């Protein structure tokens, strides 16, 4: 399992605590140290939709000049690859599935 995010993000902390609590091994990837590729962002978006992946409620997006609705898919992908803090967190890859955000019920269904 790979968990992508930012260590000080509340949702990421909840996800890490949950995964540790059930004893699942994972690898944590810090978006600030390792940005995802455009291909990786595209794969995540294909799995969960760009609407779910793009965090338009986050501080970074709100402080930017980006207009998500006016952007095409390629522009959205490029924006998220360039500035992964605008990706809704955490992003979890597990057994060929992608989960975005923290939702304990979704985690329980996906991990058990």
PDB file of N, CA and C in Angstrom:
ATOM      1  N   UNK A   1       0.840  -1.167   0.000  1.00  0.00           N
ATOM      2  CA  UNK A   1       0.000   0.000   0.000  1.00  0.00           C
ATOM      3  C   UNK A   1       0.888   1.233   0.000  1.00  0.00           C
ATOM      4  N   UNK A   2       0.503   2.200  -0.815  1.00  0.00           N
ATOM      5  CA  UNK A   2       1.180   3.492  -0.832  1.00  0.00           C
ATOM      6  C   UNK A   2       0.173   4.557  -0.429  1.00  0.00           C
ATOM      7  N   UNK A   3       0.616   5.438   0.438  1.00  0.00           N
ATOM      8  CA  UNK A   3      -0.203   6.559   0.869  1.00  0.00           C
ATOM      9  C   UNK A   3       0.543   7.828   0.504  1.00  0.00           C
ATOM     10  N   UNK A   4      -0.118   8.679  -0.277  1.00  0.00           N
ATOM     11  CA  UNK A   4       0.476   9.931  -0.742  1.00  0.00           C
ATOM     12  C   UNK A   4      -0.198  11.093  -0.013  1.00  0.00           C
ATOM     13  N   UNK A   5       0.597  12.072   0.352  1.00  0.00           N
ATOM     14  CA  UNK A   5       0.024  13.242   0.996  1.00  0.00           C
ATOM     15  C   UNK A   5       1.086  14.139   1.590  1.00  0.00           C
ATOM     16  N   UNK A   6       0.674  14.892   2.576  1.00  0.00           N
ATOM     17  CA  UNK A   6       1.543  15.820   3.290  1.00  0.00           C
ATOM     18  C   UNK A   6       1.444  15.447   4.767  1.00  0.00           C
ATOM     19  N   UNK A   7       2.579  15.259   5.436  1.00  0.00           N
ATOM     20  CA  UNK A   7       2.537  14.738   6.808  1.00  0.00           C
ATOM     21  C   UNK A   7       1.737  15.574   7.805  1.00  0.00           C
ATOM     22  N   UNK A   8       1.643  16.871   7.614  1.00  0.00           N
ATOM     23  CA  UNK A   8       0.930  17.702   8.587  1.00  0.00           C
ATOM     24  C   UNK A   8      -0.549  17.899   8.238  1.00  0.00           C
ATOM     25  N   UNK A   9      -1.040  17.250   7.198  1.00  0.00           N
ATOM     26  CA  UNK A   9      -2.451  17.332   6.796  1.00  0.00           C
ATOM     27  C   UNK A   9      -3.294  16.488   7.755  1.00  0.00           C
ATOM     28  N   UNK A  10      -4.387  17.059   8.255  1.00  0.00           N
ATOM     29  CA  UNK A  10      -5.256  16.352   9.187  1.00  0.00           C
ATOM     30  C   UNK A  10      -5.823  15.054   8.633  1.00  0.00           C
ATOM     31  N   UNK A  11      -6.265  15.066   7.382  1.00  0.00           N
ATOM     32  CA  UNK A  11      -6.823  13.855   6.765  1.00  0.00           C
ATOM     33  C   UNK A  11      -5.758  12.782   6.586  1.00  0.00           C
ATOM     34  N   UNK A  12      -4.563  13.193   6.251  1.00  0.00           N
ATOM     35  CA  UNK A  12      -3.454  12.241   6.097  1.00  0.00           C
ATOM     36  C   UNK A  12      -3.125  11.626   7.455  1.00  0.00           C
ATOM     37  N   UNK A  13      -3.081  12.437   8.491  1.00  0.00           N
ATOM     38  CA  UNK A  13      -2.804  11.924   9.841  1.00  0.00           C
ATOM     39  C   UNK A  13      -3.848  10.895  10.258  1.00  0.00           C
ATOM     40  N   UNK A  14      -5.127  11.178   9.983  1.00  0.00           N
ATOM     41  CA  UNK A  14      -6.190  10.236  10.310  1.00  0.00           C
ATOM     42  C   UNK A  14      -6.016   8.925   9.551  1.00  0.00           C
ATOM     43  N   UNK A  15      -5.687   9.041   8.271  1.00  0.00           N
ATOM     44  CA  UNK A  15      -5.495   7.839   7.445  1.00  0.00           C
ATOM     45  C   UNK A  15      -4.317   7.012   7.953  1.00  0.00           C
ATOM     46  N   UNK A  16      -3.214   7.668   8.259  1.00  0.00           N
ATOM     47  CA  UNK A  16      -2.039   6.952   8.763  1.00  0.00           C
ATOM     48  C   UNK A  16      -2.345   6.281  10.099  1.00  0.00           C
ATOM     49  N   UNK A  17      -3.042   6.975  10.985  1.00  0.00           N
ATOM     50  CA  UNK A  17      -3.419   6.387  12.272  1.00  0.00           C
ATOM     51  C   UNK A  17      -4.322   5.172  12.063  1.00  0.00           C
ATOM     52  N   UNK A  18      -5.270   5.272  11.140  1.00  0.00           N
ATOM     53  CA  UNK A  18      -6.173   4.161  10.861  1.00  0.00           C
ATOM     54  C   UNK A  18      -5.395   2.952  10.349  1.00  0.00           C
ATOM     55  N   UNK A  19      -4.533   3.168   9.380  1.00  0.00           N
ATOM     56  CA  UNK A  19      -3.777   2.074   8.775  1.00  0.00           C
ATOM     57  C   UNK A  19      -2.830   1.438   9.802  1.00  0.00           C
ATOM     58  N   UNK A  20      -2.173   2.266  10.592  1.00  0.00           N
ATOM     59  CA  UNK A  20      -1.306   1.734  11.658  1.00  0.00           C
ATOM     60  C   UNK A  20      -2.123   0.916  12.647  1.00  0.00           C
ATOM     61  N   UNK A  21      -3.322   1.414  12.976  1.00  0.00           N
ATOM     62  CA  UNK A  21      -4.184   0.747  13.950  1.00  0.00           C
ATOM     63  C   UNK A  21      -4.640  -0.636  13.536  1.00  0.00           C
ATOM     64  N   UNK A  22      -4.752  -0.863  12.234  1.00  0.00           N
ATOM     65  CA  UNK A  22      -5.174  -2.193  11.771  1.00  0.00           C
ATOM     66  C   UNK A  22      -3.984  -3.047  11.340  1.00  0.00           C
ATOM     67  N   UNK A  23      -2.786  -2.487  11.479  1.00  0.00           N
ATOM     68  CA  UNK A  23      -1.572  -3.259  11.223  1.00  0.00           C
ATOM     69  C   UNK A  23      -1.225  -3.486   9.764  1.00  0.00           C
ATOM     70  N   UNK A  24      -1.689  -2.639   8.870  1.00  0.00           N
ATOM     71  CA  UNK A  24      -1.366  -2.775   7.451  1.00  0.00           C
ATOM     72  C   UNK A  24      -0.051  -2.054   7.169  1.00  0.00           C
ATOM     73  N   UNK A  25       0.840  -2.733   6.478  1.00  0.00           N
ATOM     74  CA  UNK A  25       2.112  -2.104   6.105  1.00  0.00           C
ATOM     75  C   UNK A  25       1.871  -1.141   4.954  1.00  0.00           C
ATOM     76  N   UNK A  26       2.593  -0.028   4.964  1.00  0.00           N
ATOM     77  CA  UNK A  26       2.420   0.981   3.933  1.00  0.00           C
ATOM     78  C   UNK A  26       3.731   1.728   3.706  1.00  0.00           C
ATOM     79  N   UNK A  27       3.755   2.395   2.571  1.00  0.00           N
ATOM     80  CA  UNK A  27       4.845   3.307   2.243  1.00  0.00           C
ATOM     81  C   UNK A  27       4.219   4.692   2.124  1.00  0.00           C
ATOM     82  N   UNK A  28       4.785   5.668   2.821  1.00  0.00           N
ATOM     83  CA  UNK A  28       4.270   7.026   2.753  1.00  0.00           C
ATOM     84  C   UNK A  28       5.109   7.836   1.771  1.00  0.00           C
ATOM     85  N   UNK A  29       4.435   8.541   0.863  1.00  0.00           N
ATOM     86  CA  UNK A  29       5.103   9.404  -0.107  1.00  0.00           C
ATOM     87  C   UNK A  29       4.656  10.843   0.152  1.00  0.00           C
ATOM     88  N   UNK A  30       5.623  11.681   0.524  1.00  0.00           N
ATOM     89  CA  UNK A  30       5.354  13.082   0.833  1.00  0.00           C
ATOM     90  C   UNK A  30       5.336  13.880  -0.468  1.00  0.00           C
ATOM     91  N   UNK A  31       4.189  14.480  -0.774  1.00  0.00           N
ATOM     92  CA  UNK A  31       4.051  15.269  -2.001  1.00  0.00           C
ATOM     93  C   UNK A  31       5.072  16.400  -2.089  1.00  0.00           C
ATOM     94  N   UNK A  32       5.499  16.907  -0.970  1.00  0.00           N
ATOM     95  CA  UNK A  32       6.452  18.023  -1.002  1.00  0.00           C
ATOM     96  C   UNK A  32       7.852  17.564  -1.366  1.00  0.00           C
ATOM     97  N   UNK A  33       8.132  16.289  -1.146  1.00  0.00           N
ATOM     98  CA  UNK A  33       9.459  15.746  -1.462  1.00  0.00           C
ATOM     99  C   UNK A  33       9.479  15.013  -2.796  1.00  0.00           C
ATOM    100  N   UNK A  34       8.349  14.466  -3.178  1.00  0.00           N
ATOM    101  CA  UNK A  34       8.263  13.689  -4.421  1.00  0.00           C
ATOM    102  C   UNK A  34       6.936  13.979  -5.111  1.00  0.00           C
ATOM    103  N   UNK A  35       6.984  14.795  -6.151  1.00  0.00           N
ATOM    104  CA  UNK A  35       5.770  15.135  -6.894  1.00  0.00           C
ATOM    105  C   UNK A  35       5.358  13.971  -7.779  1.00  0.00           C
ATOM    106  N   UNK A  36       4.050  13.770  -7.937  1.00  0.00           N
ATOM    107  CA  UNK A  36       3.599  12.714  -8.852  1.00  0.00           C
ATOM    108  C   UNK A  36       3.809  13.150 -10.303  1.00  0.00           C
ATOM    109  N   UNK A  37       3.961  12.182 -11.158  1.00  0.00           N
ATOM    110  CA  UNK A  37       4.091  12.476 -12.592  1.00  0.00           C
ATOM    111  C   UNK A  37       2.716  12.789 -13.167  1.00  0.00           C
ATOM    112  N   UNK A  38       2.706  13.362 -14.363  1.00  0.00           N
ATOM    113  CA  UNK A  38       1.437  13.603 -15.053  1.00  0.00           C
ATOM    114  C   UNK A  38       0.708  12.276 -15.288  1.00  0.00           C
ATOM    115  N   UNK A  39       1.477  11.242 -15.617  1.00  0.00           N
ATOM    116  CA  UNK A  39       0.882   9.925 -15.863  1.00  0.00           C
ATOM    117  C   UNK A  39       0.212   9.385 -14.597  1.00  0.00           C
ATOM    118  N   UNK A  40       0.856   9.599 -13.469  1.00  0.00           N
ATOM    119  CA  UNK A  40       0.296   9.124 -12.208  1.00  0.00           C
ATOM    120  C   UNK A  40      -0.986   9.894 -11.866  1.00  0.00           C
ATOM    121  N   UNK A  41      -0.967  11.200 -12.041  1.00  0.00           N
ATOM    122  CA  UNK A  41      -2.165  12.012 -11.803  1.00  0.00           C
ATOM    123  C   UNK A  41      -3.285  11.568 -12.734  1.00  0.00           C
ATOM    124  N   UNK A  42      -2.967  11.310 -14.000  1.00  0.00           N
ATOM    125  CA  UNK A  42      -3.971  10.842 -14.967  1.00  0.00           C
ATOM    126  C   UNK A  42      -4.568   9.509 -14.540  1.00  0.00           C
ATOM    127  N   UNK A  43      -3.725   8.606 -14.067  1.00  0.00           N
ATOM    128  CA  UNK A  43      -4.209   7.289 -13.622  1.00  0.00           C
ATOM    129  C   UNK A  43      -5.130   7.442 -12.416  1.00  0.00           C
ATOM    130  N   UNK A  44      -4.759   8.299 -11.474  1.00  0.00           N
ATOM    131  CA  UNK A  44      -5.623   8.531 -10.312  1.00  0.00           C
ATOM    132  C   UNK A  44      -6.964   9.122 -10.749  1.00  0.00           C
ATOM    133  N   UNK A  45      -6.905  10.105 -11.635  1.00  0.00           N
ATOM    134  CA  UNK A  45      -8.128  10.750 -12.113  1.00  0.00           C
ATOM    135  C   UNK A  45      -9.019   9.747 -12.846  1.00  0.00           C
ATOM    136  N   UNK A  46      -8.411   8.846 -13.610  1.00  0.00           N
ATOM    137  CA  UNK A  46      -9.186   7.823 -14.317  1.00  0.00           C
ATOM    138  C   UNK A  46      -9.863   6.876 -13.328  1.00  0.00           C
ATOM    139  N   UNK A  47      -9.216   6.637 -12.196  1.00  0.00           N
ATOM    140  CA  UNK A  47      -9.754   5.714 -11.199  1.00  0.00           C
ATOM    141  C   UNK A  47     -10.868   6.330 -10.358  1.00  0.00           C
ATOM    142  N   UNK A  48     -10.747   7.629 -10.044  1.00  0.00           N
ATOM    143  CA  UNK A  48     -11.704   8.239  -9.116  1.00  0.00           C
ATOM    144  C   UNK A  48     -12.420   9.467  -9.655  1.00  0.00           C
ATOM    145  N   UNK A  49     -12.001  10.000 -10.760  1.00  0.00           N
ATOM    146  CA  UNK A  49     -12.493  11.205 -11.429  1.00  0.00           C
ATOM    147  C   UNK A  49     -11.671  12.417 -11.010  1.00  0.00           C
ATOM    148  N   UNK A  50     -11.494  13.307 -11.948  1.00  0.00           N
ATOM    149  CA  UNK A  50     -10.728  14.525 -11.684  1.00  0.00           C
ATOM    150  C   UNK A  50     -11.442  15.395 -10.657  1.00  0.00           C
ATOM    151  N   UNK A  51     -12.768  15.389 -10.680  1.00  0.00           N
ATOM    152  CA  UNK A  51     -13.523  16.191  -9.720  1.00  0.00           C
ATOM    153  C   UNK A  51     -13.199  15.794  -8.283  1.00  0.00           C
ATOM    154  N   UNK A  52     -13.052  14.510  -8.034  1.00  0.00           N
ATOM    155  CA  UNK A  52     -12.737  14.039  -6.682  1.00  0.00           C
ATOM    156  C   UNK A  52     -11.269  14.299  -6.343  1.00  0.00           C
ATOM    157  N   UNK A  53     -10.406  14.230  -7.327  1.00  0.00           N
ATOM    158  CA  UNK A  53      -8.973  14.373  -7.091  1.00  0.00           C
ATOM    159  C   UNK A  53      -8.548  15.822  -6.872  1.00  0.00           C
ATOM    160  N   UNK A  54      -9.171  16.747  -7.553  1.00  0.00           N
ATOM    161  CA  UNK A  54      -8.779  18.161  -7.505  1.00  0.00           C
ATOM    162  C   UNK A  54      -9.428  18.814  -6.280  1.00  0.00           C
ATOM    163  N   UNK A  55      -8.612  19.279  -5.351  1.00  0.00           N
ATOM    164  CA  UNK A  55      -9.104  19.853  -4.099  1.00  0.00           C
ATOM    165  C   UNK A  55      -9.361  21.352  -4.248  1.00  0.00           C
ATOM    166  N   UNK A  56     -10.548  21.692  -4.718  1.00  0.00           N
ATOM    167  CA  UNK A  56     -10.878  23.100  -4.937  1.00  0.00           C
ATOM    168  C   UNK A  56     -11.220  23.823  -3.630  1.00  0.00           C
ATOM    169  N   UNK A  57     -11.305  23.094  -2.529  1.00  0.00           N
ATOM    170  CA  UNK A  57     -11.605  23.712  -1.240  1.00  0.00           C
ATOM    171  C   UNK A  57     -10.344  24.021  -0.436  1.00  0.00           C
ATOM    172  N   UNK A  58      -9.196  23.574  -0.936  1.00  0.00           N
ATOM    173  CA  UNK A  58      -7.948  23.757  -0.209  1.00  0.00           C
ATOM    174  C   UNK A  58      -7.389  25.163  -0.310  1.00  0.00           C
ATOM    175  N   UNK A  59      -6.535  25.486   0.629  1.00  0.00           N
ATOM    176  CA  UNK A  59      -5.906  26.805   0.711  1.00  0.00           C
ATOM    177  C   UNK A  59      -5.084  27.120  -0.534  1.00  0.00           C
ATOM    178  N   UNK A  60      -4.326  26.148  -1.006  1.00  0.00           N
ATOM    179  CA  UNK A  60      -3.454  26.389  -2.156  1.00  0.00           C
ATOM    180  C   UNK A  60      -4.276  26.757  -3.395  1.00  0.00           C
ATOM    181  N   UNK A  61      -5.371  26.033  -3.622  1.00  0.00           N
ATOM    182  CA  UNK A  61      -6.214  26.335  -4.778  1.00  0.00           C
ATOM    183  C   UNK A  61      -6.855  27.715  -4.618  1.00  0.00           C
ATOM    184  N   UNK A  62      -7.399  27.974  -3.451  1.00  0.00           N
ATOM    185  CA  UNK A  62      -8.084  29.245  -3.217  1.00  0.00           C
ATOM    186  C   UNK A  62      -7.148  30.441  -3.366  1.00  0.00           C
ATOM    187  N   UNK A  63      -5.867  30.247  -3.051  1.00  0.00           N
ATOM    188  CA  UNK A  63      -4.921  31.354  -3.166  1.00  0.00           C
ATOM    189  C   UNK A  63      -4.305  31.457  -4.563  1.00  0.00           C
ATOM    190  N   UNK A  64      -4.639  30.510  -5.440  1.00  0.00           N
ATOM    191  CA  UNK A  64      -4.095  30.533  -6.799  1.00  0.00           C
ATOM    192  C   UNK A  64      -5.041  31.288  -7.727  1.00  0.00           C
ATOM    193  N   UNK A  65      -4.599  31.477  -8.945  1.00  0.00           N
ATOM    194  CA  UNK A  65      -5.422  32.140  -9.961  1.00  0.00           C
ATOM    195  C   UNK A  65      -6.095  31.122 -10.888  1.00  0.00           C
ATOM    196  N   UNK A  66      -6.000  29.847 -10.527  1.00  0.00           N
ATOM    197  CA  UNK A  66      -6.563  28.793 -11.370  1.00  0.00           C
ATOM    198  C   UNK A  66      -8.090  28.793 -11.326  1.00  0.00           C
ATOM    199  N   UNK A  67      -8.691  28.521 -12.460  1.00  0.00           N
ATOM    200  CA  UNK A  67     -10.133  28.340 -12.556  1.00  0.00           C
ATOM    201  C   UNK A  67     -10.378  26.915 -13.026  1.00  0.00           C
ATOM    202  N   UNK A  68     -10.593  26.031 -12.084  1.00  0.00           N
ATOM    203  CA  UNK A  68     -10.749  24.611 -12.352  1.00  0.00           C
ATOM    204  C   UNK A  68     -11.791  24.340 -13.435  1.00  0.00           C
ATOM    205  N   UNK A  69     -12.918  25.008 -13.354  1.00  0.00           N
ATOM    206  CA  UNK A  69     -14.008  24.756 -14.302  1.00  0.00           C
ATOM    207  C   UNK A  69     -13.648  25.175 -15.727  1.00  0.00           C
ATOM    208  N   UNK A  70     -12.759  26.139 -15.868  1.00  0.00           N
ATOM    209  CA  UNK A  70     -12.373  26.614 -17.198  1.00  0.00           C
ATOM    210  C   UNK A  70     -11.229  25.791 -17.803  1.00  0.00           C
ATOM    211  N   UNK A  71     -10.626  24.932 -17.003  1.00  0.00           N
ATOM    212  CA  UNK A  71      -9.476  24.151 -17.463  1.00  0.00           C
ATOM    213  C   UNK A  71      -9.933  22.862 -18.153  1.00  0.00           C
ATOM    214  N   UNK A  72      -9.177  22.443 -19.166  1.00  0.00           N
ATOM    215  CA  UNK A  72      -9.452  21.138 -19.760  1.00  0.00           C
ATOM    216  C   UNK A  72      -8.708  20.064 -18.950  1.00  0.00           C
ATOM    217  N   UNK A  73      -8.944  18.810 -19.279  1.00  0.00           N
ATOM    218  CA  UNK A  73      -8.374  17.693 -18.518  1.00  0.00           C
ATOM    219  C   UNK A  73      -6.844  17.735 -18.491  1.00  0.00           C
ATOM    220  N   UNK A  74      -6.221  18.048 -19.611  1.00  0.00           N
ATOM    221  CA  UNK A  74      -4.758  18.116 -19.666  1.00  0.00           C
ATOM    222  C   UNK A  74      -4.222  19.235 -18.771  1.00  0.00           C
ATOM    223  N   UNK A  75      -4.905  20.368 -18.768  1.00  0.00           N
ATOM    224  CA  UNK A  75      -4.478  21.489 -17.918  1.00  0.00           C
ATOM    225  C   UNK A  75      -4.645  21.155 -16.439  1.00  0.00           C
ATOM    226  N   UNK A  76      -5.710  20.464 -16.107  1.00  0.00           N
ATOM    227  CA  UNK A  76      -5.931  20.045 -14.723  1.00  0.00           C
ATOM    228  C   UNK A  76      -4.847  19.073 -14.280  1.00  0.00           C
ATOM    229  N   UNK A  77      -4.551  18.113 -15.140  1.00  0.00           N
ATOM    230  CA  UNK A  77      -3.517  17.130 -14.837  1.00  0.00           C
ATOM    231  C   UNK A  77      -2.175  17.816 -14.627  1.00  0.00           C
ATOM    232  N   UNK A  78      -1.834  18.718 -15.520  1.00  0.00           N
ATOM    233  CA  UNK A  78      -0.567  19.455 -15.417  1.00  0.00           C
ATOM    234  C   UNK A  78      -0.515  20.272 -14.123  1.00  0.00           C
ATOM    235  N   UNK A  79      -1.620  20.923 -13.782  1.00  0.00           N
ATOM    236  CA  UNK A  79      -1.667  21.731 -12.557  1.00  0.00           C
ATOM    237  C   UNK A  79      -1.440  20.877 -11.321  1.00  0.00           C
ATOM    238  N   UNK A  80      -2.057  19.709 -11.263  1.00  0.00           N
ATOM    239  CA  UNK A  80      -1.901  18.840 -10.094  1.00  0.00           C
ATOM    240  C   UNK A  80      -0.513  18.221 -10.022  1.00  0.00           C
ATOM    241  N   UNK A  81       0.063  17.880 -11.163  1.00  0.00           N
ATOM    242  CA  UNK A  81       1.421  17.337 -11.162  1.00  0.00           C
ATOM    243  C   UNK A  81       2.424  18.409 -10.733  1.00  0.00           C
ATOM    244  N   UNK A  82       2.194  19.635 -11.152  1.00  0.00           N
ATOM    245  CA  UNK A  82       3.098  20.732 -10.802  1.00  0.00           C
ATOM    246  C   UNK A  82       2.937  21.176  -9.354  1.00  0.00           C
ATOM    247  N   UNK A  83       1.711  21.108  -8.847  1.00  0.00           N
ATOM    248  CA  UNK A  83       1.429  21.553  -7.479  1.00  0.00           C
ATOM    249  C   UNK A  83       0.551  20.519  -6.770  1.00  0.00           C
ATOM    250  N   UNK A  84       1.166  19.410  -6.320  1.00  0.00           N
ATOM    251  CA  UNK A  84       0.385  18.319  -5.743  1.00  0.00           C
ATOM    252  C   UNK A  84      -0.322  18.662  -4.434  1.00  0.00           C
ATOM    253  N   UNK A  85      -0.010  19.798  -3.826  1.00  0.00           N
ATOM    254  CA  UNK A  85      -0.756  20.173  -2.629  1.00  0.00           C
ATOM    255  C   UNK A  85      -2.204  20.525  -2.975  1.00  0.00           C
ATOM    256  N   UNK A  86      -2.517  20.642  -4.268  1.00  0.00           N
ATOM    257  CA  UNK A  86      -3.904  20.879  -4.686  1.00  0.00           C
ATOM    258  C   UNK A  86      -4.667  19.572  -4.914  1.00  0.00           C
ATOM    259  N   UNK A  87      -4.006  18.446  -4.661  1.00  0.00           N
ATOM    260  CA  UNK A  87      -4.671  17.143  -4.751  1.00  0.00           C
ATOM    261  C   UNK A  87      -5.342  16.866  -3.411  1.00  0.00           C
ATOM    262  N   UNK A  88      -6.571  16.404  -3.465  1.00  0.00           N
ATOM    263  CA  UNK A  88      -7.266  16.028  -2.231  1.00  0.00           C
ATOM    264  C   UNK A  88      -6.490  14.888  -1.590  1.00  0.00           C
ATOM    265  N   UNK A  89      -6.324  14.967  -0.291  1.00  0.00           N
ATOM    266  CA  UNK A  89      -5.470  14.023   0.410  1.00  0.00           C
ATOM    267  C   UNK A  89      -6.245  13.222   1.450  1.00  0.00           C
ATOM    268  N   UNK A  90      -5.676  12.050   1.747  1.00  0.00           N
ATOM    269  CA  UNK A  90      -4.579  11.353   1.101  1.00  0.00           C
ATOM    270  C   UNK A  90      -5.040  10.636  -0.165  1.00  0.00           C
ATOM    271  N   UNK A  91      -4.079  10.244  -0.972  1.00  0.00           N
ATOM    272  CA  UNK A  91      -4.337   9.355  -2.100  1.00  0.00           C
ATOM    273  C   UNK A  91      -3.723   8.011  -1.704  1.00  0.00           C
ATOM    274  N   UNK A  92      -4.525   6.971  -1.760  1.00  0.00           N
ATOM    275  CA  UNK A  92      -4.060   5.638  -1.374  1.00  0.00           C
ATOM    276  C   UNK A  92      -4.162   4.712  -2.568  1.00  0.00           C
ATOM    277  N   UNK A  93      -3.067   4.019  -2.839  1.00  0.00           N
ATOM    278  CA  UNK A  93      -3.048   2.961  -3.855  1.00  0.00           C
ATOM    279  C   UNK A  93      -2.942   1.634  -3.114  1.00  0.00           C
ATOM    280  N   UNK A  94      -3.906   0.753  -3.356  1.00  0.00           N
ATOM    281  CA  UNK A  94      -3.905  -0.534  -2.656  1.00  0.00           C
ATOM    282  C   UNK A  94      -4.624  -1.572  -3.503  1.00  0.00           C
ATOM    283  N   UNK A  95      -3.926  -2.645  -3.808  1.00  0.00           N
ATOM    284  CA  UNK A  95      -4.495  -3.755  -4.577  1.00  0.00           C
ATOM    285  C   UNK A  95      -5.188  -3.296  -5.854  1.00  0.00           C
ATOM    286  N   UNK A  96      -4.546  -2.390  -6.577  1.00  0.00           N
ATOM    287  CA  UNK A  96      -5.081  -1.923  -7.843  1.00  0.00           C
ATOM    288  C   UNK A  96      -6.196  -0.898  -7.725  1.00  0.00           C
ATOM    289  N   UNK A  97      -6.511  -0.480  -6.510  1.00  0.00           N
ATOM    290  CA  UNK A  97      -7.558   0.516  -6.289  1.00  0.00           C
ATOM    291  C   UNK A  97      -6.928   1.838  -5.870  1.00  0.00           C
ATOM    292  N   UNK A  98      -7.676   2.914  -6.087  1.00  0.00           N
ATOM    293  CA  UNK A  98      -7.261   4.240  -5.653  1.00  0.00           C
ATOM    294  C   UNK A  98      -8.370   4.798  -4.765  1.00  0.00           C
ATOM    295  N   UNK A  99      -7.973   5.272  -3.592  1.00  0.00           N
ATOM    296  CA  UNK A  99      -8.908   5.886  -2.653  1.00  0.00           C
ATOM    297  C   UNK A  99      -8.399   7.300  -2.396  1.00  0.00           C
ATOM    298  N   UNK A 100      -9.291   8.280  -2.438  1.00  0.00           N
ATOM    299  CA  UNK A 100      -8.904   9.678  -2.215  1.00  0.00           C
ATOM    300  C   UNK A 100      -9.699  10.224  -1.036  1.00  0.00           C
ATOM    301  N   UNK A 101      -8.981  10.892  -0.127  1.00  0.00           N
ATOM    302  CA  UNK A 101      -9.618  11.476   1.051  1.00  0.00           C
ATOM    303  C   UNK A 101      -9.684  10.466   2.180  1.00  0.00           C
ATOM    304  N   UNK A 102     -10.113  10.934   3.336  1.00  0.00           N
ATOM    305  CA  UNK A 102     -10.252  10.044   4.486  1.00  0.00           C
ATOM    306  C   UNK A 102     -11.715   9.729   4.723  1.00  0.00           C
ATOM    307  N   UNK A 103     -12.036   8.445   4.665  1.00  0.00           N
ATOM    308  CA  UNK A 103     -13.373   7.962   4.971  1.00  0.00           C
ATOM    309  C   UNK A 103     -13.207   6.566   5.568  1.00  0.00           C
ATOM    310  N   UNK A 104     -13.374   6.471   6.870  1.00  0.00           N
ATOM    311  CA  UNK A 104     -13.119   5.218   7.568  1.00  0.00           C
ATOM    312  C   UNK A 104     -13.951   4.058   7.019  1.00  0.00           C
ATOM    313  N   UNK A 105     -15.204   4.309   6.674  1.00  0.00           N
ATOM    314  CA  UNK A 105     -16.053   3.247   6.121  1.00  0.00           C
ATOM    315  C   UNK A 105     -15.505   2.737   4.786  1.00  0.00           C
ATOM    316  N   UNK A 106     -15.068   3.647   3.931  1.00  0.00           N
ATOM    317  CA  UNK A 106     -14.483   3.255   2.645  1.00  0.00           C
ATOM    318  C   UNK A 106     -13.213   2.447   2.889  1.00  0.00           C
ATOM    319  N   UNK A 107     -12.403   2.885   3.825  1.00  0.00           N
ATOM    320  CA  UNK A 107     -11.160   2.173   4.146  1.00  0.00           C
ATOM    321  C   UNK A 107     -11.460   0.758   4.612  1.00  0.00           C
ATOM    322  N   UNK A 108     -12.442   0.616   5.491  1.00  0.00           N
ATOM    323  CA  UNK A 108     -12.773  -0.709   6.008  1.00  0.00           C
ATOM    324  C   UNK A 108     -13.207  -1.635   4.885  1.00  0.00           C
ATOM    325  N   UNK A 109     -14.014  -1.129   3.953  1.00  0.00           N
ATOM    326  CA  UNK A 109     -14.455  -1.959   2.820  1.00  0.00           C
ATOM    327  C   UNK A 109     -13.300  -2.311   1.902  1.00  0.00           C
ATOM    328  N   UNK A 110     -12.389  -1.386   1.696  1.00  0.00           N
ATOM    329  CA  UNK A 110     -11.298  -1.593   0.750  1.00  0.00           C
ATOM    330  C   UNK A 110     -10.169  -2.438   1.333  1.00  0.00           C
ATOM    331  N   UNK A 111      -9.980  -2.374   2.634  1.00  0.00           N
ATOM    332  CA  UNK A 111      -8.821  -3.016   3.239  1.00  0.00           C
ATOM    333  C   UNK A 111      -9.111  -4.355   3.888  1.00  0.00           C
ATOM    334  N   UNK A 112     -10.371  -4.717   4.021  1.00  0.00           N
ATOM    335  CA  UNK A 112     -10.700  -6.000   4.656  1.00  0.00           C
ATOM    336  C   UNK A 112     -11.383  -6.929   3.698  1.00  0.00           C
TER     337      UNK A 112
END
